[in-house]
All heavy atoms as atom14 arrays in JSON, in Angstrom:
{
  "sequence": "VPTALTLLTALVVRRRCVLLDVSGPSMLPTYRDGDRLLAARVPL",
  "atom14_mask": [
    [1, 1, 1, 1, 1, 1, 1, 0, 0, 0, 0, 0, 0, 0],
    [1, 1, 1, 1, 1, 1, 1, 0, 0, 0, 0, 0, 0, 0],
    [1, 1, 1, 1, 1, 1, 1, 0, 0, 0, 0, 0, 0, 0],
    [1, 1, 1, 1, 1, 0, 0, 0, 0, 0, 0, 0, 0, 0],
    [1, 1, 1, 1, 1, 1, 1, 1, 0, 0, 0, 0, 0, 0],
    [1, 1, 1, 1, 1, 1, 1, 0, 0, 0, 0, 0, 0, 0],
    [1, 1, 1, 1, 1, 1, 1, 1, 0, 0, 0, 0, 0, 0],
    [1, 1, 1, 1, 1, 1, 1, 1, 0, 0, 0, 0, 0, 0],
    [1, 1, 1, 1, 1, 1, 1, 0, 0, 0, 0, 0, 0, 0],
    [1, 1, 1, 1, 1, 0, 0, 0, 0, 0, 0, 0, 0, 0],
    [1, 1, 1, 1, 1, 1, 1, 1, 0, 0, 0, 0, 0, 0],
    [1, 1, 1, 1, 1, 1, 1, 0, 0, 0, 0, 0, 0, 0],
    [1, 1, 1, 1, 1, 1, 1, 0, 0, 0, 0, 0, 0, 0],
    [1, 1, 1, 1, 1, 1, 1, 1, 1, 1, 1, 0, 0, 0],
    [1, 1, 1, 1, 1, 1, 1, 1, 1, 1, 1, 0, 0, 0],
    [1, 1, 1, 1, 1, 1, 1, 1, 1, 1, 1, 0, 0, 0],
    [1, 1, 1, 1, 1, 1, 0, 0, 0, 0, 0, 0, 0, 0],
    [1, 1, 1, 1, 1, 1, 1, 0, 0, 0, 0, 0, 0, 0],
    [1, 1, 1, 1, 1, 1, 1, 1, 0, 0, 0, 0, 0, 0],
    [1, 1, 1, 1, 1, 1, 1, 1, 0, 0, 0, 0, 0, 0],
    [1, 1, 1, 1, 1, 1, 1, 1, 0, 0, 0, 0, 0, 0],
    [1, 1, 1, 1, 1, 1, 1, 0, 0, 0, 0, 0, 0, 0],
    [1, 1, 1, 1, 1, 1, 0, 0, 0, 0, 0, 0, 0, 0],
    [1, 1, 1, 1, 0, 0, 0, 0, 0, 0, 0, 0, 0, 0],
    [1, 1, 1, 1, 1, 1, 1, 0, 0, 0, 0, 0, 0, 0],
    [1, 1, 1, 1, 1, 1, 0, 0, 0, 0, 0, 0, 0, 0],
    [1, 1, 1, 1, 1, 1, 1, 1, 0, 0, 0, 0, 0, 0],
    [1, 1, 1, 1, 1, 1, 1, 1, 0, 0, 0, 0, 0, 0],
    [1, 1, 1, 1, 1, 1, 1, 0, 0, 0, 0, 0, 0, 0],
    [1, 1, 1, 1, 1, 1, 1, 0, 0, 0, 0, 0, 0, 0],
    [1, 1, 1, 1, 1, 1, 1, 1, 1, 1, 1, 1, 0, 0],
    [1, 1, 1, 1, 1, 1, 1, 1, 1, 1, 1, 0, 0, 0],
    [1, 1, 1, 1, 1, 1, 1, 1, 0, 0, 0, 0, 0, 0],
    [1, 1, 1, 1, 0, 0, 0, 0, 0, 0, 0, 0, 0, 0],
    [1, 1, 1, 1, 1, 1, 1, 1, 0, 0, 0, 0, 0, 0],
    [1, 1, 1, 1, 1, 1, 1, 1, 1, 1, 1, 0, 0, 0],
    [1, 1, 1, 1, 1, 1, 1, 1, 0, 0, 0, 0, 0, 0],
    [1, 1, 1, 1, 1, 1, 1, 1, 0, 0, 0, 0, 0, 0],
    [1, 1, 1, 1, 1, 0, 0, 0, 0, 0, 0, 0, 0, 0],
    [1, 1, 1, 1, 1, 0, 0, 0, 0, 0, 0, 0, 0, 0],
    [1, 1, 1, 1, 1, 1, 1, 1, 1, 1, 1, 0, 0, 0],
    [1, 1, 1, 1, 1, 1, 1, 0, 0, 0, 0, 0, 0, 0],
    [1, 1, 1, 1, 1, 1, 1, 0, 0, 0, 0, 0, 0, 0],
    [1, 1, 1, 1, 1, 1, 1, 1, 0, 0, 0, 0, 0, 0]
  ],
  "atom14_positions": [
    [[121.82, 82.86, 78.97], [122.62, 82.95, 80.27], [122.44, 84.34, 80.89], [122.19, 84.35, 82.07], [124.04, 82.54, 79.94], [124.97, 82.87, 81.09], [124.19, 81.14, 79.53], [0.0, 0.0, 0.0], [0.0, 0.0, 0.0], [0.0, 0.0, 0.0], [0.0, 0.0, 0.0], [0.0, 0.0, 0.0], [0.0, 0.0, 0.0], [0.0, 0.0, 0.0]],
    [[122.62, 85.41, 80.15], [122.47, 86.69, 80.82], [121.03, 86.94, 81.27], [120.85, 87.52, 82.32], [122.8, 87.8, 79.74], [123.64, 87.05, 78.76], [123.15, 85.64, 78.81], [0.0, 0.0, 0.0], [0.0, 0.0, 0.0], [0.0, 0.0, 0.0], [0.0, 0.0, 0.0], [0.0, 0.0, 0.0], [0.0, 0.0, 0.0], [0.0, 0.0, 0.0]],
    [[120.05, 86.49, 80.57], [118.62, 86.57, 81.04], [118.41, 85.82, 82.31], [117.82, 86.35, 83.15], [117.75, 86.08, 79.97], [117.96, 86.85, 78.72], [116.23, 86.28, 80.36], [0.0, 0.0, 0.0], [0.0, 0.0, 0.0], [0.0, 0.0, 0.0], [0.0, 0.0, 0.0], [0.0, 0.0, 0.0], [0.0, 0.0, 0.0], [0.0, 0.0, 0.0]],
    [[118.92, 84.65, 82.44], [118.85, 83.81, 83.59], [119.54, 84.56, 84.76], [119.0, 84.61, 85.93], [119.38, 82.4, 83.45], [0.0, 0.0, 0.0], [0.0, 0.0, 0.0], [0.0, 0.0, 0.0], [0.0, 0.0, 0.0], [0.0, 0.0, 0.0], [0.0, 0.0, 0.0], [0.0, 0.0, 0.0], [0.0, 0.0, 0.0], [0.0, 0.0, 0.0]],
    [[120.75, 85.08, 84.54], [121.45, 85.77, 85.59], [120.7, 87.06, 86.08], [120.6, 87.42, 87.25], [122.84, 86.15, 85.12], [123.82, 85.1, 85.01], [125.17, 85.55, 84.35], [124.1, 84.4, 86.31], [0.0, 0.0, 0.0], [0.0, 0.0, 0.0], [0.0, 0.0, 0.0], [0.0, 0.0, 0.0], [0.0, 0.0, 0.0], [0.0, 0.0, 0.0]],
    [[120.04, 87.77, 85.04], [119.24, 88.98, 85.4], [118.1, 88.55, 86.24], [117.77, 89.23, 87.28], [118.79, 89.67, 84.09], [119.96, 90.03, 83.39], [117.97, 90.86, 84.38], [0.0, 0.0, 0.0], [0.0, 0.0, 0.0], [0.0, 0.0, 0.0], [0.0, 0.0, 0.0], [0.0, 0.0, 0.0], [0.0, 0.0, 0.0], [0.0, 0.0, 0.0]],
    [[117.42, 87.45, 85.9], [116.25, 87.02, 86.67], [116.67, 86.57, 88.08], [116.03, 86.87, 89.02], [115.52, 85.89, 85.96], [114.36, 85.25, 86.55], [113.26, 86.29, 86.81], [113.86, 84.03, 85.69], [0.0, 0.0, 0.0], [0.0, 0.0, 0.0], [0.0, 0.0, 0.0], [0.0, 0.0, 0.0], [0.0, 0.0, 0.0], [0.0, 0.0, 0.0]],
    [[117.78, 85.83, 88.12], [118.3, 85.4, 89.52], [118.59, 86.64, 90.33], [118.23, 86.68, 91.45], [119.41, 84.54, 89.31], [120.03, 83.99, 90.59], [119.12, 83.13, 91.38], [121.42, 83.14, 90.27], [0.0, 0.0, 0.0], [0.0, 0.0, 0.0], [0.0, 0.0, 0.0], [0.0, 0.0, 0.0], [0.0, 0.0, 0.0], [0.0, 0.0, 0.0]],
    [[119.27, 87.64, 89.77], [119.63, 88.83, 90.47], [118.41, 89.57, 91.01], [118.35, 90.03, 92.09], [120.55, 89.75, 89.59], [121.65, 89.13, 89.23], [120.91, 91.06, 90.35], [0.0, 0.0, 0.0], [0.0, 0.0, 0.0], [0.0, 0.0, 0.0], [0.0, 0.0, 0.0], [0.0, 0.0, 0.0], [0.0, 0.0, 0.0], [0.0, 0.0, 0.0]],
    [[117.34, 89.66, 90.08], [116.17, 90.31, 90.45], [115.5, 89.59, 91.63], [114.93, 90.21, 92.5], [115.14, 90.43, 89.27], [0.0, 0.0, 0.0], [0.0, 0.0, 0.0], [0.0, 0.0, 0.0], [0.0, 0.0, 0.0], [0.0, 0.0, 0.0], [0.0, 0.0, 0.0], [0.0, 0.0, 0.0], [0.0, 0.0, 0.0], [0.0, 0.0, 0.0]],
    [[115.46, 88.26, 91.6], [114.89, 87.48, 92.68], [115.63, 87.74, 94.02], [114.95, 87.84, 95.09], [114.85, 86.0, 92.33], [113.83, 85.59, 91.23], [114.02, 84.18, 90.84], [112.39, 85.9, 91.68], [0.0, 0.0, 0.0], [0.0, 0.0, 0.0], [0.0, 0.0, 0.0], [0.0, 0.0, 0.0], [0.0, 0.0, 0.0], [0.0, 0.0, 0.0]],
    [[116.92, 87.76, 93.95], [117.69, 87.99, 95.19], [117.47, 89.38, 95.67], [117.24, 89.55, 96.92], [119.19, 87.74, 94.94], [120.06, 88.19, 96.07], [119.49, 86.3, 94.69], [0.0, 0.0, 0.0], [0.0, 0.0, 0.0], [0.0, 0.0, 0.0], [0.0, 0.0, 0.0], [0.0, 0.0, 0.0], [0.0, 0.0, 0.0], [0.0, 0.0, 0.0]],
    [[117.45, 90.35, 94.88], [117.25, 91.75, 95.24], [115.78, 91.84, 95.86], [115.68, 92.54, 96.88], [117.4, 92.68, 94.14], [116.89, 94.08, 94.41], [118.9, 92.84, 93.67], [0.0, 0.0, 0.0], [0.0, 0.0, 0.0], [0.0, 0.0, 0.0], [0.0, 0.0, 0.0], [0.0, 0.0, 0.0], [0.0, 0.0, 0.0], [0.0, 0.0, 0.0]],
    [[114.8, 91.25, 95.24], [113.44, 91.3, 95.72], [113.36, 90.74, 97.17], [112.6, 91.24, 97.98], [112.56, 90.68, 94.77], [111.15, 90.81, 95.17], [110.15, 90.37, 94.15], [108.84, 90.57, 94.67], [107.77, 91.01, 93.95], [107.93, 91.33, 92.74], [106.62, 91.11, 94.5], [0.0, 0.0, 0.0], [0.0, 0.0, 0.0], [0.0, 0.0, 0.0]],
    [[114.05, 89.69, 97.34], [114.05, 89.01, 98.72], [114.86, 89.78, 99.71], [114.58, 89.8, 100.92], [114.54, 87.6, 98.58], [113.61, 86.61, 97.86], [114.21, 85.22, 98.04], [114.34, 84.91, 99.45], [113.73, 83.89, 100.03], [113.04, 83.05, 99.39], [113.93, 83.61, 101.31], [0.0, 0.0, 0.0], [0.0, 0.0, 0.0], [0.0, 0.0, 0.0]],
    [[115.83, 90.47, 99.34], [116.71, 91.21, 100.29], [116.43, 92.66, 100.39], [116.96, 93.28, 101.3], [118.19, 91.02, 99.85], [118.64, 89.64, 99.66], [118.84, 88.86, 100.97], [119.67, 89.59, 101.9], [119.87, 89.3, 103.09], [119.36, 88.18, 103.64], [120.59, 89.98, 103.93], [0.0, 0.0, 0.0], [0.0, 0.0, 0.0], [0.0, 0.0, 0.0]],
    [[115.65, 93.26, 99.52], [115.51, 94.7, 99.52], [114.09, 95.1, 99.69], [113.17, 94.39, 99.28], [116.12, 95.4, 98.27], [117.84, 95.18, 98.17], [0.0, 0.0, 0.0], [0.0, 0.0, 0.0], [0.0, 0.0, 0.0], [0.0, 0.0, 0.0], [0.0, 0.0, 0.0], [0.0, 0.0, 0.0], [0.0, 0.0, 0.0], [0.0, 0.0, 0.0]],
    [[113.85, 96.29, 100.21], [112.47, 96.87, 100.29], [112.55, 98.28, 99.87], [113.51, 99.04, 100.01], [112.1, 96.95, 101.86], [110.77, 97.61, 102.0], [112.16, 95.62, 102.45], [0.0, 0.0, 0.0], [0.0, 0.0, 0.0], [0.0, 0.0, 0.0], [0.0, 0.0, 0.0], [0.0, 0.0, 0.0], [0.0, 0.0, 0.0], [0.0, 0.0, 0.0]],
    [[111.66, 98.72, 98.9], [111.49, 100.02, 98.44], [110.32, 100.75, 99.16], [109.23, 100.14, 99.16], [111.29, 100.01, 96.93], [111.42, 101.29, 96.19], [112.86, 101.91, 96.31], [111.05, 101.15, 94.76], [0.0, 0.0, 0.0], [0.0, 0.0, 0.0], [0.0, 0.0, 0.0], [0.0, 0.0, 0.0], [0.0, 0.0, 0.0], [0.0, 0.0, 0.0]],
    [[110.46, 101.84, 99.74], [109.4, 102.51, 100.45], [109.41, 104.02, 100.28], [110.46, 104.58, 99.98], [109.36, 102.13, 101.94], [110.57, 102.56, 102.74], [110.13, 103.16, 104.05], [111.56, 101.48, 102.89], [0.0, 0.0, 0.0], [0.0, 0.0, 0.0], [0.0, 0.0, 0.0], [0.0, 0.0, 0.0], [0.0, 0.0, 0.0], [0.0, 0.0, 0.0]],
    [[108.21, 104.61, 100.48], [108.15, 106.06, 100.44], [108.01, 106.59, 101.88], [107.28, 106.12, 102.67], [106.89, 106.37, 99.62], [106.96, 106.05, 98.14], [108.03, 106.11, 97.58], [105.98, 105.54, 97.6], [0.0, 0.0, 0.0], [0.0, 0.0, 0.0], [0.0, 0.0, 0.0], [0.0, 0.0, 0.0], [0.0, 0.0, 0.0], [0.0, 0.0, 0.0]],
    [[108.8, 107.8, 102.03], [108.6, 108.46, 103.3], [107.31, 109.25, 103.42], [106.93, 109.87, 102.39], [109.84, 109.38, 103.53], [109.66, 110.25, 104.78], [111.13, 108.57, 103.54], [0.0, 0.0, 0.0], [0.0, 0.0, 0.0], [0.0, 0.0, 0.0], [0.0, 0.0, 0.0], [0.0, 0.0, 0.0], [0.0, 0.0, 0.0], [0.0, 0.0, 0.0]],
    [[106.59, 109.16, 104.48], [105.39, 109.94, 104.67], [105.44, 110.64, 106.04], [105.6, 109.92, 107.07], [104.23, 108.99, 104.66], [103.03, 109.65, 104.94], [0.0, 0.0, 0.0], [0.0, 0.0, 0.0], [0.0, 0.0, 0.0], [0.0, 0.0, 0.0], [0.0, 0.0, 0.0], [0.0, 0.0, 0.0], [0.0, 0.0, 0.0], [0.0, 0.0, 0.0]],
    [[105.45, 111.91, 105.95], [105.53, 112.72, 107.25], [106.9, 113.3, 107.54], [107.86, 112.98, 106.88], [0.0, 0.0, 0.0], [0.0, 0.0, 0.0], [0.0, 0.0, 0.0], [0.0, 0.0, 0.0], [0.0, 0.0, 0.0], [0.0, 0.0, 0.0], [0.0, 0.0, 0.0], [0.0, 0.0, 0.0], [0.0, 0.0, 0.0], [0.0, 0.0, 0.0]],
    [[106.86, 114.16, 108.55], [108.1, 115.01, 108.81], [109.05, 114.4, 109.9], [109.98, 115.14, 110.24], [107.56, 116.34, 109.28], [106.28, 115.85, 109.98], [105.72, 114.72, 109.25], [0.0, 0.0, 0.0], [0.0, 0.0, 0.0], [0.0, 0.0, 0.0], [0.0, 0.0, 0.0], [0.0, 0.0, 0.0], [0.0, 0.0, 0.0], [0.0, 0.0, 0.0]],
    [[108.83, 113.21, 110.39], [109.51, 112.7, 111.52], [111.03, 112.5, 111.31], [111.79, 112.48, 112.27], [108.91, 111.43, 112.1], [109.22, 110.29, 111.22], [0.0, 0.0, 0.0], [0.0, 0.0, 0.0], [0.0, 0.0, 0.0], [0.0, 0.0, 0.0], [0.0, 0.0, 0.0], [0.0, 0.0, 0.0], [0.0, 0.0, 0.0], [0.0, 0.0, 0.0]],
    [[111.44, 112.37, 110.1], [112.91, 112.21, 109.81], [113.5, 113.39, 109.15], [114.69, 113.34, 108.68], [113.08, 110.98, 108.87], [113.0, 109.7, 109.65], [114.02, 109.43, 111.02], [115.56, 109.23, 110.23], [0.0, 0.0, 0.0], [0.0, 0.0, 0.0], [0.0, 0.0, 0.0], [0.0, 0.0, 0.0], [0.0, 0.0, 0.0], [0.0, 0.0, 0.0]],
    [[112.9, 114.59, 109.16], [113.53, 115.83, 108.71], [114.75, 116.12, 109.49], [114.74, 116.01, 110.72], [112.54, 116.96, 108.71], [111.5, 116.98, 107.68], [110.45, 118.07, 107.95], [112.1, 117.25, 106.3], [0.0, 0.0, 0.0], [0.0, 0.0, 0.0], [0.0, 0.0, 0.0], [0.0, 0.0, 0.0], [0.0, 0.0, 0.0], [0.0, 0.0, 0.0]],
    [[115.81, 116.62, 108.98], [116.08, 117.02, 107.62], [116.66, 115.89, 106.79], [116.91, 116.12, 105.58], [117.02, 118.15, 107.8], [117.83, 117.73, 108.99], [116.88, 117.08, 109.96], [0.0, 0.0, 0.0], [0.0, 0.0, 0.0], [0.0, 0.0, 0.0], [0.0, 0.0, 0.0], [0.0, 0.0, 0.0], [0.0, 0.0, 0.0], [0.0, 0.0, 0.0]],
    [[116.88, 114.76, 107.41], [117.48, 113.66, 106.69], [116.63, 113.17, 105.51], [117.18, 113.04, 104.32], [117.78, 112.46, 107.62], [118.53, 112.93, 108.78], [118.59, 111.35, 106.89], [0.0, 0.0, 0.0], [0.0, 0.0, 0.0], [0.0, 0.0, 0.0], [0.0, 0.0, 0.0], [0.0, 0.0, 0.0], [0.0, 0.0, 0.0], [0.0, 0.0, 0.0]],
    [[115.47, 112.89, 105.73], [114.48, 112.4, 104.7], [113.2, 113.27, 104.74], [112.7, 113.54, 105.83], [114.15, 110.93, 104.87], [115.38, 109.97, 104.76], [115.77, 109.25, 105.89], [116.09, 109.95, 103.56], [116.93, 108.5, 105.81], [117.19, 109.1, 103.52], [117.58, 108.41, 104.63], [118.72, 107.66, 104.6], [0.0, 0.0, 0.0], [0.0, 0.0, 0.0]],
    [[112.68, 113.62, 103.54], [111.51, 114.39, 103.55], [110.28, 113.57, 103.05], [110.41, 112.5, 102.47], [111.71, 115.52, 102.52], [112.8, 116.44, 102.76], [112.93, 117.56, 101.74], [114.01, 118.48, 101.99], [114.24, 119.31, 102.92], [113.19, 119.42, 103.78], [115.27, 120.04, 103.07], [0.0, 0.0, 0.0], [0.0, 0.0, 0.0], [0.0, 0.0, 0.0]],
    [[109.11, 114.15, 103.3], [107.89, 113.51, 102.93], [107.89, 113.31, 101.38], [108.18, 114.21, 100.64], [106.7, 114.48, 103.27], [105.28, 113.76, 103.11], [105.25, 112.57, 103.04], [104.34, 114.51, 102.99], [0.0, 0.0, 0.0], [0.0, 0.0, 0.0], [0.0, 0.0, 0.0], [0.0, 0.0, 0.0], [0.0, 0.0, 0.0], [0.0, 0.0, 0.0]],
    [[107.59, 112.16, 100.89], [107.71, 111.8, 99.54], [109.03, 111.17, 98.98], [109.06, 110.66, 97.87], [0.0, 0.0, 0.0], [0.0, 0.0, 0.0], [0.0, 0.0, 0.0], [0.0, 0.0, 0.0], [0.0, 0.0, 0.0], [0.0, 0.0, 0.0], [0.0, 0.0, 0.0], [0.0, 0.0, 0.0], [0.0, 0.0, 0.0], [0.0, 0.0, 0.0]],
    [[110.06, 111.24, 99.8], [111.34, 110.57, 99.41], [111.06, 109.05, 99.28], [110.32, 108.49, 100.04], [112.45, 110.79, 100.46], [113.06, 112.16, 100.33], [112.86, 112.85, 99.41], [113.88, 112.53, 101.21], [0.0, 0.0, 0.0], [0.0, 0.0, 0.0], [0.0, 0.0, 0.0], [0.0, 0.0, 0.0], [0.0, 0.0, 0.0], [0.0, 0.0, 0.0]],
    [[111.81, 108.51, 98.33], [111.73, 107.0, 98.12], [113.04, 106.43, 98.58], [114.15, 106.94, 98.19], [111.53, 106.72, 96.7], [111.45, 105.22, 96.43], [110.72, 104.85, 95.17], [109.29, 105.02, 95.42], [108.37, 104.68, 94.45], [108.73, 104.4, 93.27], [107.18, 104.91, 94.79], [0.0, 0.0, 0.0], [0.0, 0.0, 0.0], [0.0, 0.0, 0.0]],
    [[113.03, 105.45, 99.55], [114.14, 104.85, 100.07], [114.33, 103.37, 99.76], [113.35, 102.69, 99.58], [114.1, 104.93, 101.67], [113.9, 106.37, 102.18], [113.76, 106.18, 103.67], [114.94, 107.26, 101.75], [0.0, 0.0, 0.0], [0.0, 0.0, 0.0], [0.0, 0.0, 0.0], [0.0, 0.0, 0.0], [0.0, 0.0, 0.0], [0.0, 0.0, 0.0]],
    [[115.56, 102.9, 99.56], [115.88, 101.55, 99.35], [116.5, 101.01, 100.68], [117.42, 101.6, 101.08], [116.92, 101.35, 98.18], [117.28, 100.0, 97.94], [116.1, 99.1, 97.4], [118.44, 99.93, 96.9], [0.0, 0.0, 0.0], [0.0, 0.0, 0.0], [0.0, 0.0, 0.0], [0.0, 0.0, 0.0], [0.0, 0.0, 0.0], [0.0, 0.0, 0.0]],
    [[115.83, 99.91, 101.11], [116.37, 99.27, 102.41], [116.66, 97.89, 102.09], [116.09, 97.3, 101.3], [115.3, 99.45, 103.54], [0.0, 0.0, 0.0], [0.0, 0.0, 0.0], [0.0, 0.0, 0.0], [0.0, 0.0, 0.0], [0.0, 0.0, 0.0], [0.0, 0.0, 0.0], [0.0, 0.0, 0.0], [0.0, 0.0, 0.0], [0.0, 0.0, 0.0]],
    [[117.64, 97.3, 102.92], [118.03, 95.99, 102.71], [117.77, 95.19, 104.04], [118.07, 95.73, 105.12], [119.49, 95.88, 102.33], [0.0, 0.0, 0.0], [0.0, 0.0, 0.0], [0.0, 0.0, 0.0], [0.0, 0.0, 0.0], [0.0, 0.0, 0.0], [0.0, 0.0, 0.0], [0.0, 0.0, 0.0], [0.0, 0.0, 0.0], [0.0, 0.0, 0.0]],
    [[117.33, 93.96, 103.86], [117.2, 93.11, 104.99], [118.58, 92.62, 105.36], [119.3, 92.02, 104.57], [116.24, 91.95, 104.68], [114.83, 92.38, 104.43], [113.92, 91.25, 104.0], [112.62, 91.71, 103.91], [112.09, 91.89, 102.79], [112.66, 91.75, 101.56], [110.71, 92.28, 102.6], [0.0, 0.0, 0.0], [0.0, 0.0, 0.0], [0.0, 0.0, 0.0]],
    [[118.99, 92.85, 106.51], [120.36, 92.48, 107.02], [120.38, 91.76, 108.32], [119.34, 91.94, 109.0], [121.26, 93.73, 107.21], [121.48, 94.57, 105.86], [120.81, 94.67, 108.2], [0.0, 0.0, 0.0], [0.0, 0.0, 0.0], [0.0, 0.0, 0.0], [0.0, 0.0, 0.0], [0.0, 0.0, 0.0], [0.0, 0.0, 0.0], [0.0, 0.0, 0.0]],
    [[121.48, 90.94, 108.51], [121.51, 90.34, 109.89], [121.44, 91.35, 110.96], [122.06, 92.41, 110.9], [122.75, 89.53, 109.75], [123.17, 89.47, 108.38], [122.53, 90.61, 107.67], [0.0, 0.0, 0.0], [0.0, 0.0, 0.0], [0.0, 0.0, 0.0], [0.0, 0.0, 0.0], [0.0, 0.0, 0.0], [0.0, 0.0, 0.0], [0.0, 0.0, 0.0]],
    [[120.9, 91.03, 112.1], [120.82, 91.93, 113.29], [122.25, 92.38, 113.75], [122.39, 93.5, 114.2], [120.09, 91.25, 114.38], [118.64, 91.07, 114.06], [117.95, 90.28, 115.13], [117.87, 92.38, 113.81], [0.0, 0.0, 0.0], [0.0, 0.0, 0.0], [0.0, 0.0, 0.0], [0.0, 0.0, 0.0], [0.0, 0.0, 0.0], [0.0, 0.0, 0.0]]
  ]
}
């Protein structure tokens, strides 16, 4: 049961979230080159 819940949670997170790395200085000082960000797909 916990394994199935973990797998289900992982699948939901994978469909709803994006992990990405910042490249470049365009978002300084908020985010730096090399920062890793977690983003979620959300309704507009």
